Amino acid sequence: MTHISLKALRGGLLAAVALLACAAPAPADTGHTTPDDWLLLAVGPGQQPPATASGSLLRCDPPRGHRRAADACAELAAVDGRIADIPPKDVFCPMVHAPVTAHAHGEWGGRPVTYTQTFPNRCMMAARTGSVFALDAP
């Protein structure tokens, strides 16, 4: 009869587990967007949500939809698609009351996204939302 020590058995099991862990590919977290990340974006004057039929469709794989799509996709990827979490820019905006309302709906990371916010003017909107609503910027 063959006798295996407990120490040898544990070592063999540990080696087998390590081998299996190395053999299984780990999912890569690249921080990039998924092919299903999209937002329909619209900006309109006043305090009512704009008609999204006249908006722009932002797609992020590859970035397209408006002139600053690459910047917008990068900013959205950094906050997992949560527009309200985009860090505000440190800019000086004129104290001009010309309200605009930004609206977005779509899907990011498999989750639905809805965002509507009225800002005192376009400068404040850009300071709070980065490139996401820069639909007419060069």
Protein backbone atom coordinates (compact mmCIF):
# COMPACT_ATOMS: atom_id res chain seq x y z
CA MET A 1 0.00 0.00 0.00
CA THR A 2 1.29 3.48 -0.92
CA HIS A 3 1.43 6.01 1.88
CA ILE A 4 1.20 9.75 1.11
CA SER A 5 1.97 12.23 3.82
CA LEU A 6 -0.49 14.99 4.65
CA LYS A 7 2.21 17.56 3.88
CA ALA A 8 2.75 16.14 0.38
CA LEU A 9 -1.02 16.06 -0.28
CA ARG A 10 -1.43 19.70 0.74
CA GLY A 11 1.52 20.72 -1.43
CA GLY A 12 0.06 18.89 -4.42
CA LEU A 13 -3.36 20.47 -3.94
CA LEU A 14 -1.84 23.91 -3.55
CA ALA A 15 0.18 23.45 -6.74
CA ALA A 16 -2.94 22.29 -8.62
CA VAL A 17 -4.95 25.32 -7.47
CA ALA A 18 -2.11 27.67 -8.46
CA LEU A 19 -1.87 26.02 -11.88
CA LEU A 20 -5.63 26.37 -12.45
CA ALA A 21 -5.59 30.00 -11.37
CA CYS A 22 -2.81 30.77 -13.85
CA ALA A 23 -4.49 28.85 -16.66
CA ALA A 24 -7.82 30.70 -16.46
CA PRO A 25 -7.67 34.03 -18.31
CA ALA A 26 -8.71 37.00 -16.20
CA PRO A 27 -11.08 39.53 -17.73
CA ALA A 28 -9.18 42.61 -18.78
CA ASP A 29 -10.29 45.88 -17.20
CA THR A 30 -9.00 48.43 -19.66
CA GLY A 31 -11.13 51.32 -18.46
CA HIS A 32 -12.49 51.69 -21.97
CA THR A 33 -16.11 51.88 -22.94
CA THR A 34 -18.15 48.96 -24.19
CA PRO A 35 -19.70 48.79 -27.66
CA ASP A 36 -23.13 49.39 -26.13
CA ASP A 37 -22.23 52.75 -24.54
CA TRP A 38 -24.32 55.46 -26.17
CA LEU A 39 -26.08 58.67 -25.19
CA LEU A 40 -28.57 60.79 -27.06
CA LEU A 41 -27.60 64.37 -26.13
CA ALA A 42 -29.54 67.60 -26.56
CA VAL A 43 -29.16 71.18 -25.33
CA GLY A 44 -31.88 73.77 -25.56
CA PRO A 45 -32.60 77.30 -24.39
CA GLY A 46 -34.68 77.85 -21.29
CA GLN A 47 -35.65 75.57 -18.46
CA GLN A 48 -37.57 72.90 -20.35
CA PRO A 49 -35.83 69.73 -21.56
CA PRO A 50 -35.00 70.08 -25.26
CA ALA A 51 -36.47 67.83 -27.90
CA THR A 52 -34.04 64.94 -28.17
CA ALA A 53 -35.08 64.41 -31.79
CA SER A 54 -32.77 67.31 -32.65
CA GLY A 55 -29.88 66.05 -30.51
CA SER A 56 -26.70 64.16 -31.24
CA LEU A 57 -26.04 60.48 -30.73
CA LEU A 58 -22.73 60.00 -28.91
CA ARG A 59 -21.17 56.58 -29.49
CA CYS A 60 -17.94 55.67 -27.77
CA ASP A 61 -16.57 52.61 -29.54
CA PRO A 62 -15.09 54.29 -31.55
CA PRO A 63 -15.89 57.84 -30.37
CA ARG A 64 -18.25 59.63 -32.73
CA GLY A 65 -21.38 61.74 -32.66
CA HIS A 66 -20.08 65.29 -32.23
CA ARG A 67 -16.85 67.24 -32.67
CA ARG A 68 -15.46 66.50 -29.20
CA ALA A 69 -16.64 62.90 -29.01
CA ALA A 70 -13.25 61.49 -27.97
CA ASP A 71 -12.98 63.94 -25.06
CA ALA A 72 -16.59 63.32 -24.03
CA CYS A 73 -16.14 59.54 -24.08
CA ALA A 74 -12.97 59.79 -22.00
CA GLU A 75 -14.69 62.01 -19.44
CA LEU A 76 -17.67 59.67 -19.25
CA ALA A 77 -15.44 56.59 -18.94
CA ALA A 78 -13.67 58.22 -15.99
CA VAL A 79 -16.98 58.53 -14.09
CA ASP A 80 -18.60 55.31 -15.36
CA GLY A 81 -21.17 57.22 -17.41
CA ARG A 82 -22.45 59.36 -14.53
CA ILE A 83 -22.59 62.85 -16.02
CA ALA A 84 -23.29 64.48 -12.64
CA ASP A 85 -19.98 63.05 -11.33
CA ILE A 86 -17.81 64.78 -13.94
CA PRO A 87 -15.44 67.00 -11.93
CA PRO A 88 -16.24 70.70 -12.40
CA LYS A 89 -13.74 72.79 -14.31
CA ASP A 90 -12.21 75.80 -12.59
CA VAL A 91 -13.29 78.54 -15.02
CA PHE A 92 -14.65 82.04 -14.76
CA CYS A 93 -18.08 82.35 -16.36
CA PRO A 94 -19.86 85.64 -17.06
CA MET A 95 -22.83 86.41 -14.88
CA VAL A 96 -25.19 86.38 -17.84
CA HIS A 97 -28.60 84.87 -17.30
CA ALA A 98 -29.23 82.83 -20.44
CA PRO A 99 -30.49 79.47 -19.12
CA VAL A 100 -29.91 76.29 -21.06
CA THR A 101 -31.10 72.79 -20.29
CA ALA A 102 -28.98 69.77 -21.07
CA HIS A 103 -30.61 66.38 -21.47
CA ALA A 104 -29.12 62.94 -22.07
CA HIS A 105 -30.53 59.47 -22.15
CA GLY A 106 -29.03 56.21 -23.25
CA GLU A 107 -27.02 53.31 -21.89
CA TRP A 108 -23.61 53.10 -20.25
CA GLY A 109 -22.03 49.89 -18.98
CA GLY A 110 -25.33 48.04 -19.42
CA ARG A 111 -27.20 50.56 -17.22
CA PRO A 112 -29.76 53.10 -18.38
CA VAL A 113 -28.64 56.71 -18.14
CA THR A 114 -30.95 59.70 -17.80
CA TYR A 115 -29.71 63.21 -17.06
CA THR A 116 -31.48 66.57 -17.21
CA GLN A 117 -30.07 69.75 -15.74
CA THR A 118 -30.70 73.46 -16.28
CA PHE A 119 -27.68 75.77 -16.06
CA PRO A 120 -27.58 79.60 -15.85
CA ASN A 121 -25.68 79.76 -19.17
CA ARG A 122 -23.61 77.67 -21.59
CA CYS A 123 -20.35 78.49 -19.82
CA MET A 124 -21.65 77.01 -16.56
CA MET A 125 -22.92 73.96 -18.45
CA ALA A 126 -19.47 73.40 -19.98
CA ALA A 127 -17.80 73.89 -16.60
CA ARG A 128 -20.00 71.19 -15.03
CA THR A 129 -20.30 68.68 -17.87
CA GLY A 130 -17.00 69.00 -19.71
CA SER A 131 -17.14 68.01 -23.34
CA VAL A 132 -20.28 65.89 -23.12
CA PHE A 133 -22.68 68.65 -24.22
CA ALA A 134 -20.18 70.49 -26.44
CA LEU A 135 -22.31 69.66 -29.43
CA ASP A 136 -21.55 72.77 -31.46
CA ALA A 137 -17.97 73.42 -30.30
CA PRO A 138 -15.18 73.44 -32.88
